Amino acid sequence: MRYLSLISGFILFLLALGFALKNSDSITLHYFLGYQWQAPLVLVLMLAFSLGTAAGIAATLGLIFKQRREIQKLRLEIKHSANAPSNLGASVQSNP
């Protein structure tokens, strides 16, 4: 399994390298008020991908922290209920 992930990572690296070599042309991005930025196409694409990934991770952090707090609360609840004496026998009535 380790070799499979190593081989797939190497293949993914080769694909990304080929993509970078094929898209090395320079492009111009035009901003407001006449500002411009010239950069290779692959750099702009990778930057946009990285910013999108970072935004997606940042959007899920709130949910992850909320779930962690809830899990911790439930673990404490289970721990306290395991230490508390059980009154189940007193509430069950026996039928003759």
PDB file of N, CA and C in Angstrom:
ATOM      1  N   MET A   1       0.830  -1.191   0.000  1.00  0.00           N
ATOM      2  CA  MET A   1       0.000   0.000   0.000  1.00  0.00           C
ATOM      3  C   MET A   1       0.873   1.253   0.000  1.00  0.00           C
ATOM      4  N   ARG A   2       1.972   1.175   0.724  1.00  0.00           N
ATOM      5  CA  ARG A   2       2.884   2.316   0.788  1.00  0.00           C
ATOM      6  C   ARG A   2       3.479   2.605  -0.585  1.00  0.00           C
ATOM      7  N   TYR A   3       3.836   1.550  -1.295  1.00  0.00           N
ATOM      8  CA  TYR A   3       4.411   1.736  -2.628  1.00  0.00           C
ATOM      9  C   TYR A   3       3.379   2.293  -3.605  1.00  0.00           C
ATOM     10  N   LEU A   4       2.146   1.889  -3.456  1.00  0.00           N
ATOM     11  CA  LEU A   4       1.083   2.391  -4.330  1.00  0.00           C
ATOM     12  C   LEU A   4       0.891   3.890  -4.142  1.00  0.00           C
ATOM     13  N   SER A   5       0.899   4.358  -2.911  1.00  0.00           N
ATOM     14  CA  SER A   5       0.752   5.799  -2.675  1.00  0.00           C
ATOM     15  C   SER A   5       1.992   6.562  -3.142  1.00  0.00           C
ATOM     16  N   LEU A   6       3.166   5.958  -3.009  1.00  0.00           N
ATOM     17  CA  LEU A   6       4.385   6.596  -3.488  1.00  0.00           C
ATOM     18  C   LEU A   6       4.380   6.715  -5.011  1.00  0.00           C
ATOM     19  N   ILE A   7       3.964   5.655  -5.692  1.00  0.00           N
ATOM     20  CA  ILE A   7       3.900   5.670  -7.155  1.00  0.00           C
ATOM     21  C   ILE A   7       2.844   6.657  -7.640  1.00  0.00           C
ATOM     22  N   SER A   8       1.674   6.671  -6.992  1.00  0.00           N
ATOM     23  CA  SER A   8       0.622   7.607  -7.413  1.00  0.00           C
ATOM     24  C   SER A   8       1.036   9.055  -7.156  1.00  0.00           C
ATOM     25  N   GLY A   9       1.776   9.314  -6.081  1.00  0.00           N
ATOM     26  CA  GLY A   9       2.283  10.655  -5.821  1.00  0.00           C
ATOM     27  C   GLY A   9       3.305  11.082  -6.866  1.00  0.00           C
ATOM     28  N   PHE A  10       4.151  10.153  -7.287  1.00  0.00           N
ATOM     29  CA  PHE A  10       5.138  10.446  -8.320  1.00  0.00           C
ATOM     30  C   PHE A  10       4.463  10.733  -9.661  1.00  0.00           C
ATOM     31  N   ILE A  11       3.432   9.960  -9.983  1.00  0.00           N
ATOM     32  CA  ILE A  11       2.694  10.187 -11.226  1.00  0.00           C
ATOM     33  C   ILE A  11       1.985  11.536 -11.186  1.00  0.00           C
ATOM     34  N   LEU A  12       1.402  11.877 -10.050  1.00  0.00           N
ATOM     35  CA  LEU A  12       0.750  13.179  -9.905  1.00  0.00           C
ATOM     36  C   LEU A  12       1.758  14.322 -10.048  1.00  0.00           C
ATOM     37  N   PHE A  13       2.955  14.140  -9.494  1.00  0.00           N
ATOM     38  CA  PHE A  13       4.005  15.142  -9.641  1.00  0.00           C
ATOM     39  C   PHE A  13       4.403  15.311 -11.107  1.00  0.00           C
ATOM     40  N   LEU A  14       4.540  14.204 -11.826  1.00  0.00           N
ATOM     41  CA  LEU A  14       4.905  14.276 -13.245  1.00  0.00           C
ATOM     42  C   LEU A  14       3.819  14.978 -14.065  1.00  0.00           C
ATOM     43  N   LEU A  15       2.556  14.710 -13.730  1.00  0.00           N
ATOM     44  CA  LEU A  15       1.462  15.389 -14.425  1.00  0.00           C
ATOM     45  C   LEU A  15       1.485  16.897 -14.156  1.00  0.00           C
ATOM     46  N   ALA A  16       1.720  17.287 -12.912  1.00  0.00           N
ATOM     47  CA  ALA A  16       1.786  18.709 -12.572  1.00  0.00           C
ATOM     48  C   ALA A  16       2.988  19.374 -13.241  1.00  0.00           C
ATOM     49  N   LEU A  17       4.113  18.669 -13.305  1.00  0.00           N
ATOM     50  CA  LEU A  17       5.289  19.218 -13.969  1.00  0.00           C
ATOM     51  C   LEU A  17       5.037  19.404 -15.459  1.00  0.00           C
ATOM     52  N   GLY A  18       4.417  18.410 -16.097  1.00  0.00           N
ATOM     53  CA  GLY A  18       4.073  18.541 -17.513  1.00  0.00           C
ATOM     54  C   GLY A  18       3.114  19.683 -17.762  1.00  0.00           C
ATOM     55  N   PHE A  19       2.145  19.854 -16.864  1.00  0.00           N
ATOM     56  CA  PHE A  19       1.202  20.965 -16.965  1.00  0.00           C
ATOM     57  C   PHE A  19       1.927  22.298 -16.874  1.00  0.00           C
ATOM     58  N   ALA A  20       2.880  22.398 -15.945  1.00  0.00           N
ATOM     59  CA  ALA A  20       3.635  23.643 -15.776  1.00  0.00           C
ATOM     60  C   ALA A  20       4.489  23.947 -16.999  1.00  0.00           C
ATOM     61  N   LEU A  21       5.083  22.917 -17.578  1.00  0.00           N
ATOM     62  CA  LEU A  21       5.929  23.140 -18.754  1.00  0.00           C
ATOM     63  C   LEU A  21       5.108  23.537 -19.977  1.00  0.00           C
ATOM     64  N   LYS A  22       3.913  22.994 -20.106  1.00  0.00           N
ATOM     65  CA  LYS A  22       3.066  23.317 -21.253  1.00  0.00           C
ATOM     66  C   LYS A  22       2.416  24.691 -21.139  1.00  0.00           C
ATOM     67  N   ASN A  23       2.270  25.222 -19.931  1.00  0.00           N
ATOM     68  CA  ASN A  23       1.569  26.490 -19.709  1.00  0.00           C
ATOM     69  C   ASN A  23       2.499  27.547 -19.127  1.00  0.00           C
ATOM     70  N   SER A  24       3.647  27.721 -19.726  1.00  0.00           N
ATOM     71  CA  SER A  24       4.609  28.690 -19.209  1.00  0.00           C
ATOM     72  C   SER A  24       4.501  30.053 -19.898  1.00  0.00           C
ATOM     73  N   ASP A  25       3.520  30.242 -20.766  1.00  0.00           N
ATOM     74  CA  ASP A  25       3.345  31.527 -21.444  1.00  0.00           C
ATOM     75  C   ASP A  25       2.988  32.612 -20.434  1.00  0.00           C
ATOM     76  N   SER A  26       3.431  33.823 -20.708  1.00  0.00           N
ATOM     77  CA  SER A  26       3.159  34.944 -19.835  1.00  0.00           C
ATOM     78  C   SER A  26       1.793  35.540 -20.167  1.00  0.00           C
ATOM     79  N   ILE A  27       1.032  35.869 -19.124  1.00  0.00           N
ATOM     80  CA  ILE A  27      -0.274  36.509 -19.296  1.00  0.00           C
ATOM     81  C   ILE A  27      -0.290  37.808 -18.505  1.00  0.00           C
ATOM     82  N   THR A  28      -1.239  38.660 -18.825  1.00  0.00           N
ATOM     83  CA  THR A  28      -1.393  39.935 -18.126  1.00  0.00           C
ATOM     84  C   THR A  28      -2.757  39.966 -17.457  1.00  0.00           C
ATOM     85  N   LEU A  29      -2.760  40.186 -16.163  1.00  0.00           N
ATOM     86  CA  LEU A  29      -4.009  40.366 -15.421  1.00  0.00           C
ATOM     87  C   LEU A  29      -4.238  41.860 -15.250  1.00  0.00           C
ATOM     88  N   HIS A  30      -5.423  42.318 -15.582  1.00  0.00           N
ATOM     89  CA  HIS A  30      -5.771  43.736 -15.494  1.00  0.00           C
ATOM     90  C   HIS A  30      -6.647  43.958 -14.259  1.00  0.00           C
ATOM     91  N   TYR A  31      -6.236  44.901 -13.419  1.00  0.00           N
ATOM     92  CA  TYR A  31      -6.983  45.259 -12.220  1.00  0.00           C
ATOM     93  C   TYR A  31      -7.671  46.600 -12.443  1.00  0.00           C
ATOM     94  N   PHE A  32      -8.358  47.061 -11.410  1.00  0.00           N
ATOM     95  CA  PHE A  32      -8.990  48.374 -11.468  1.00  0.00           C
ATOM     96  C   PHE A  32      -7.928  49.476 -11.431  1.00  0.00           C
ATOM     97  N   LEU A  33      -8.296  50.649 -11.892  1.00  0.00           N
ATOM     98  CA  LEU A  33      -7.458  51.843 -11.901  1.00  0.00           C
ATOM     99  C   LEU A  33      -6.183  51.656 -12.720  1.00  0.00           C
ATOM    100  N   GLY A  34      -6.218  50.777 -13.705  1.00  0.00           N
ATOM    101  CA  GLY A  34      -5.102  50.622 -14.624  1.00  0.00           C
ATOM    102  C   GLY A  34      -3.950  49.754 -14.139  1.00  0.00           C
ATOM    103  N   TYR A  35      -4.103  49.097 -13.000  1.00  0.00           N
ATOM    104  CA  TYR A  35      -3.038  48.229 -12.515  1.00  0.00           C
ATOM    105  C   TYR A  35      -2.993  46.949 -13.330  1.00  0.00           C
ATOM    106  N   GLN A  36      -1.783  46.436 -13.551  1.00  0.00           N
ATOM    107  CA  GLN A  36      -1.582  45.210 -14.310  1.00  0.00           C
ATOM    108  C   GLN A  36      -0.564  44.331 -13.595  1.00  0.00           C
ATOM    109  N   TRP A  37      -0.663  43.034 -13.855  1.00  0.00           N
ATOM    110  CA  TRP A  37       0.309  42.087 -13.316  1.00  0.00           C
ATOM    111  C   TRP A  37       0.604  41.070 -14.390  1.00  0.00           C
ATOM    112  N   GLN A  38       1.861  40.902 -14.729  1.00  0.00           N
ATOM    113  CA  GLN A  38       2.263  39.908 -15.708  1.00  0.00           C
ATOM    114  C   GLN A  38       2.941  38.749 -14.986  1.00  0.00           C
ATOM    115  N   ALA A  39       2.502  37.537 -15.317  1.00  0.00           N
ATOM    116  CA  ALA A  39       3.055  36.334 -14.692  1.00  0.00           C
ATOM    117  C   ALA A  39       2.795  35.154 -15.618  1.00  0.00           C
ATOM    118  N   PRO A  40       3.540  34.071 -15.427  1.00  0.00           N
ATOM    119  CA  PRO A  40       3.266  32.860 -16.205  1.00  0.00           C
ATOM    120  C   PRO A  40       1.876  32.297 -15.865  1.00  0.00           C
ATOM    121  N   LEU A  41       1.241  31.718 -16.861  1.00  0.00           N
ATOM    122  CA  LEU A  41      -0.107  31.180 -16.685  1.00  0.00           C
ATOM    123  C   LEU A  41      -0.156  30.136 -15.581  1.00  0.00           C
ATOM    124  N   VAL A  42       0.836  29.266 -15.523  1.00  0.00           N
ATOM    125  CA  VAL A  42       0.820  28.215 -14.510  1.00  0.00           C
ATOM    126  C   VAL A  42       0.892  28.799 -13.100  1.00  0.00           C
ATOM    127  N   LEU A  43       1.635  29.898 -12.934  1.00  0.00           N
ATOM    128  CA  LEU A  43       1.710  30.538 -11.616  1.00  0.00           C
ATOM    129  C   LEU A  43       0.351  31.107 -11.212  1.00  0.00           C
ATOM    130  N   VAL A  44      -0.332  31.735 -12.134  1.00  0.00           N
ATOM    131  CA  VAL A  44      -1.651  32.301 -11.844  1.00  0.00           C
ATOM    132  C   VAL A  44      -2.648  31.188 -11.513  1.00  0.00           C
ATOM    133  N   LEU A  45      -2.608  30.105 -12.266  1.00  0.00           N
ATOM    134  CA  LEU A  45      -3.525  28.990 -12.005  1.00  0.00           C
ATOM    135  C   LEU A  45      -3.244  28.330 -10.663  1.00  0.00           C
ATOM    136  N   MET A  46      -1.979  28.100 -10.364  1.00  0.00           N
ATOM    137  CA  MET A  46      -1.630  27.487  -9.078  1.00  0.00           C
ATOM    138  C   MET A  46      -1.972  28.402  -7.903  1.00  0.00           C
ATOM    139  N   LEU A  47      -1.792  29.699  -8.090  1.00  0.00           N
ATOM    140  CA  LEU A  47      -2.154  30.653  -7.046  1.00  0.00           C
ATOM    141  C   LEU A  47      -3.664  30.655  -6.813  1.00  0.00           C
ATOM    142  N   ALA A  48      -4.437  30.627  -7.885  1.00  0.00           N
ATOM    143  CA  ALA A  48      -5.894  30.587  -7.750  1.00  0.00           C
ATOM    144  C   ALA A  48      -6.337  29.284  -7.082  1.00  0.00           C
ATOM    145  N   PHE A  49      -5.715  28.173  -7.447  1.00  0.00           N
ATOM    146  CA  PHE A  49      -6.041  26.882  -6.821  1.00  0.00           C
ATOM    147  C   PHE A  49      -5.703  26.902  -5.336  1.00  0.00           C
ATOM    148  N   SER A  50      -4.537  27.447  -4.991  1.00  0.00           N
ATOM    149  CA  SER A  50      -4.120  27.503  -3.586  1.00  0.00           C
ATOM    150  C   SER A  50      -5.041  28.395  -2.755  1.00  0.00           C
ATOM    151  N   LEU A  51      -5.420  29.544  -3.317  1.00  0.00           N
ATOM    152  CA  LEU A  51      -6.329  30.440  -2.593  1.00  0.00           C
ATOM    153  C   LEU A  51      -7.713  29.805  -2.412  1.00  0.00           C
ATOM    154  N   GLY A  52      -8.182  29.084  -3.426  1.00  0.00           N
ATOM    155  CA  GLY A  52      -9.460  28.390  -3.307  1.00  0.00           C
ATOM    156  C   GLY A  52      -9.419  27.288  -2.266  1.00  0.00           C
ATOM    157  N   THR A  53      -8.313  26.554  -2.229  1.00  0.00           N
ATOM    158  CA  THR A  53      -8.151  25.502  -1.225  1.00  0.00           C
ATOM    159  C   THR A  53      -8.109  26.095   0.177  1.00  0.00           C
ATOM    160  N   ALA A  54      -7.369  27.180   0.345  1.00  0.00           N
ATOM    161  CA  ALA A  54      -7.284  27.841   1.654  1.00  0.00           C
ATOM    162  C   ALA A  54      -8.645  28.375   2.089  1.00  0.00           C
ATOM    163  N   ALA A  55      -9.403  28.924   1.162  1.00  0.00           N
ATOM    164  CA  ALA A  55     -10.747  29.430   1.498  1.00  0.00           C
ATOM    165  C   ALA A  55     -11.671  28.283   1.892  1.00  0.00           C
ATOM    166  N   GLY A  56     -11.577  27.155   1.215  1.00  0.00           N
ATOM    167  CA  GLY A  56     -12.395  26.000   1.562  1.00  0.00           C
ATOM    168  C   GLY A  56     -12.060  25.446   2.929  1.00  0.00           C
ATOM    169  N   ILE A  57     -10.782  25.379   3.243  1.00  0.00           N
ATOM    170  CA  ILE A  57     -10.366  24.898   4.570  1.00  0.00           C
ATOM    171  C   ILE A  57     -10.819  25.871   5.648  1.00  0.00           C
ATOM    172  N   ALA A  58     -10.657  27.157   5.400  1.00  0.00           N
ATOM    173  CA  ALA A  58     -11.078  28.164   6.385  1.00  0.00           C
ATOM    174  C   ALA A  58     -12.589  28.121   6.612  1.00  0.00           C
ATOM    175  N   ALA A  59     -13.345  27.811   5.576  1.00  0.00           N
ATOM    176  CA  ALA A  59     -14.800  27.748   5.713  1.00  0.00           C
ATOM    177  C   ALA A  59     -15.241  26.561   6.555  1.00  0.00           C
ATOM    178  N   THR A  60     -14.464  25.491   6.579  1.00  0.00           N
ATOM    179  CA  THR A  60     -14.860  24.304   7.343  1.00  0.00           C
ATOM    180  C   THR A  60     -14.303  24.288   8.757  1.00  0.00           C
ATOM    181  N   LEU A  61     -13.399  25.199   9.087  1.00  0.00           N
ATOM    182  CA  LEU A  61     -12.799  25.175  10.421  1.00  0.00           C
ATOM    183  C   LEU A  61     -13.831  25.388  11.523  1.00  0.00           C
ATOM    184  N   GLY A  62     -14.790  26.272  11.312  1.00  0.00           N
ATOM    185  CA  GLY A  62     -15.819  26.502  12.326  1.00  0.00           C
ATOM    186  C   GLY A  62     -16.603  25.242  12.632  1.00  0.00           C
ATOM    187  N   LEU A  63     -16.976  24.511  11.601  1.00  0.00           N
ATOM    188  CA  LEU A  63     -17.716  23.259  11.787  1.00  0.00           C
ATOM    189  C   LEU A  63     -16.861  22.213  12.492  1.00  0.00           C
ATOM    190  N   ILE A  64     -15.603  22.134  12.138  1.00  0.00           N
ATOM    191  CA  ILE A  64     -14.708  21.148  12.759  1.00  0.00           C
ATOM    192  C   ILE A  64     -14.554  21.430  14.246  1.00  0.00           C
ATOM    193  N   PHE A  65     -14.330  22.696  14.612  1.00  0.00           N
ATOM    194  CA  PHE A  65     -14.174  23.037  16.027  1.00  0.00           C
ATOM    195  C   PHE A  65     -15.468  22.817  16.798  1.00  0.00           C
ATOM    196  N   LYS A  66     -16.604  23.086  16.185  1.00  0.00           N
ATOM    197  CA  LYS A  66     -17.896  22.848  16.837  1.00  0.00           C
ATOM    198  C   LYS A  66     -18.086  21.358  17.103  1.00  0.00           C
ATOM    199  N   GLN A  67     -17.745  20.522  16.128  1.00  0.00           N
ATOM    200  CA  GLN A  67     -17.866  19.075  16.307  1.00  0.00           C
ATOM    201  C   GLN A  67     -16.918  18.566  17.377  1.00  0.00           C
ATOM    202  N   ARG A  68     -15.711  19.107  17.446  1.00  0.00           N
ATOM    203  CA  ARG A  68     -14.759  18.685  18.478  1.00  0.00           C
ATOM    204  C   ARG A  68     -15.271  19.028  19.875  1.00  0.00           C
ATOM    205  N   ARG A  69     -15.861  20.224  20.023  1.00  0.00           N
ATOM    206  CA  ARG A  69     -16.420  20.597  21.331  1.00  0.00           C
ATOM    207  C   ARG A  69     -17.561  19.671  21.709  1.00  0.00           C
ATOM    208  N   GLU A  70     -18.413  19.328  20.742  1.00  0.00           N
ATOM    209  CA  GLU A  70     -19.541  18.438  21.022  1.00  0.00           C
ATOM    210  C   GLU A  70     -19.053  17.039  21.378  1.00  0.00           C
ATOM    211  N   ILE A  71     -18.053  16.546  20.686  1.00  0.00           N
ATOM    212  CA  ILE A  71     -17.495  15.225  20.991  1.00  0.00           C
ATOM    213  C   ILE A  71     -16.902  15.207  22.396  1.00  0.00           C
ATOM    214  N   GLN A  72     -16.176  16.274  22.766  1.00  0.00           N
ATOM    215  CA  GLN A  72     -15.596  16.350  24.104  1.00  0.00           C
ATOM    216  C   GLN A  72     -16.688  16.375  25.165  1.00  0.00           C
ATOM    217  N   LYS A  73     -17.757  17.118  24.908  1.00  0.00           N
ATOM    218  CA  LYS A  73     -18.868  17.176  25.855  1.00  0.00           C
ATOM    219  C   LYS A  73     -19.519  15.805  26.013  1.00  0.00           C
ATOM    220  N   LEU A  74     -19.715  15.090  24.912  1.00  0.00           N
ATOM    221  CA  LEU A  74     -20.317  13.759  24.979  1.00  0.00           C
ATOM    222  C   LEU A  74     -19.411  12.759  25.679  1.00  0.00           C
ATOM    223  N   ARG A  75     -18.103  12.873  25.484  1.00  0.00           N
ATOM    224  CA  ARG A  75     -17.174  11.979  26.189  1.00  0.00           C
ATOM    225  C   ARG A  75     -17.238  12.212  27.690  1.00  0.00           C
ATOM    226  N   LEU A  76     -17.290  13.482  28.095  1.00  0.00           N
ATOM    227  CA  LEU A  76     -17.414  13.776  29.523  1.00  0.00           C
ATOM    228  C   LEU A  76     -18.735  13.257  30.081  1.00  0.00           C
ATOM    229  N   GLU A  77     -19.794  13.379  29.302  1.00  0.00           N
ATOM    230  CA  GLU A  77     -21.100  12.882  29.726  1.00  0.00           C
ATOM    231  C   GLU A  77     -21.081  11.367  29.897  1.00  0.00           C
ATOM    232  N   ILE A  78     -20.448  10.666  28.997  1.00  0.00           N
ATOM    233  CA  ILE A  78     -20.328   9.207  29.098  1.00  0.00           C
ATOM    234  C   ILE A  78     -19.493   8.834  30.313  1.00  0.00           C
ATOM    235  N   LYS A  79     -18.409   9.567  30.537  1.00  0.00           N
ATOM    236  CA  LYS A  79     -17.538   9.282  31.679  1.00  0.00           C
ATOM    237  C   LYS A  79     -18.276   9.480  32.998  1.00  0.00           C
ATOM    238  N   HIS A  80     -19.065  10.558  33.099  1.00  0.00           N
ATOM    239  CA  HIS A  80     -19.811  10.822  34.326  1.00  0.00           C
ATOM    240  C   HIS A  80     -20.945   9.818  34.514  1.00  0.00           C
ATOM    241  N   SER A  81     -21.581   9.408  33.426  1.00  0.00           N
ATOM    242  CA  SER A  81     -22.669   8.438  33.568  1.00  0.00           C
ATOM    243  C   SER A  81     -22.142   7.052  33.903  1.00  0.00           C
ATOM    244  N   ALA A  82     -20.930   6.723  33.518  1.00  0.00           N
ATOM    245  CA  ALA A  82     -20.341   5.424  33.861  1.00  0.00           C
ATOM    246  C   ALA A  82     -19.950   5.388  35.327  1.00  0.00           C
ATOM    247  N   ASN A  83     -19.584   6.533  35.905  1.00  0.00           N
ATOM    248  CA  ASN A  83     -19.200   6.592  37.314  1.00  0.00           C
ATOM    249  C   ASN A  83     -20.403   6.702  38.242  1.00  0.00           C
ATOM    250  N   ALA A  84     -21.544   7.156  37.753  1.00  0.00           N
ATOM    251  CA  ALA A  84     -22.739   7.331  38.582  1.00  0.00           C
ATOM    252  C   ALA A  84     -23.397   5.976  38.826  1.00  0.00           C
ATOM    253  N   PRO A  85     -23.961   5.788  40.026  1.00  0.00           N
ATOM    254  CA  PRO A  85     -24.657   4.515  40.303  1.00  0.00           C
ATOM    255  C   PRO A  85     -25.934   4.423  39.479  1.00  0.00           C
ATOM    256  N   SER A  86     -26.237   3.230  39.077  1.00  0.00           N
ATOM    257  CA  SER A  86     -27.407   3.011  38.235  1.00  0.00           C
ATOM    258  C   SER A  86     -28.622   2.717  39.098  1.00  0.00           C
ATOM    259  N   ASN A  87     -29.754   3.349  38.793  1.00  0.00           N
ATOM    260  CA  ASN A  87     -31.005   3.126  39.513  1.00  0.00           C
ATOM    261  C   ASN A  87     -31.986   2.373  38.651  1.00  0.00           C
ATOM    262  N   LEU A  88     -31.524   1.605  37.712  1.00  0.00           N
ATOM    263  CA  LEU A  88     -32.413   0.879  36.814  1.00  0.00           C
ATOM    264  C   LEU A  88     -33.189  -0.215  37.547  1.00  0.00           C
ATOM    265  N   GLY A  89     -32.573  -0.838  38.527  1.00  0.00           N
ATOM    266  CA  GLY A  89     -33.241  -1.929  39.247  1.00  0.00           C
ATOM    267  C   GLY A  89     -34.423  -1.441  40.067  1.00  0.00           C
ATOM    268  N   ALA A  90     -34.402  -0.242  40.581  1.00  0.00           N
ATOM    269  CA  ALA A  90     -35.477   0.292  41.404  1.00  0.00           C
ATOM    270  C   ALA A  90     -36.690   0.648  40.554  1.00  0.00           C
ATOM    271  N   SER A  91     -36.478   0.995  39.284  1.00  0.00           N
ATOM    272  CA  SER A  91     -37.612   1.411  38.468  1.00  0.00           C
ATOM    273  C   SER A  91     -38.306   0.245  37.782  1.00  0.00           C
ATOM    274  N   VAL A  92     -37.704  -0.920  37.783  1.00  0.00           N
ATOM    275  CA  VAL A  92     -38.304  -2.097  37.134  1.00  0.00           C
ATOM    276  C   VAL A  92     -39.149  -2.825  38.145  1.00  0.00           C
ATOM    277  N   GLN A  93     -40.410  -3.092  37.785  1.00  0.00           N
ATOM    278  CA  GLN A  93     -41.307  -3.829  38.670  1.00  0.00           C
ATOM    279  C   GLN A  93     -41.354  -5.277  38.219  1.00  0.00           C
ATOM    280  N   SER A  94     -41.340  -6.168  39.166  1.00  0.00           N
ATOM    281  CA  SER A  94     -41.390  -7.592  38.815  1.00  0.00           C
ATOM    282  C   SER A  94     -42.834  -8.051  38.776  1.00  0.00           C
ATOM    283  N   ASN A  95     -43.158  -8.853  37.802  1.00  0.00           N
ATOM    284  CA  ASN A  95     -44.500  -9.417  37.659  1.00  0.00           C
ATOM    285  C   ASN A  95     -44.491 -10.841  38.196  1.00  0.00           C
ATOM    286  N   PRO A  96     -45.474 -11.191  39.126  1.00  0.00           N
ATOM    287  CA  PRO A  96     -45.501 -12.568  39.680  1.00  0.00           C
ATOM    288  C   PRO A  96     -46.062 -13.580  38.749  1.00  0.00           C
TER     289      PRO A  96
END
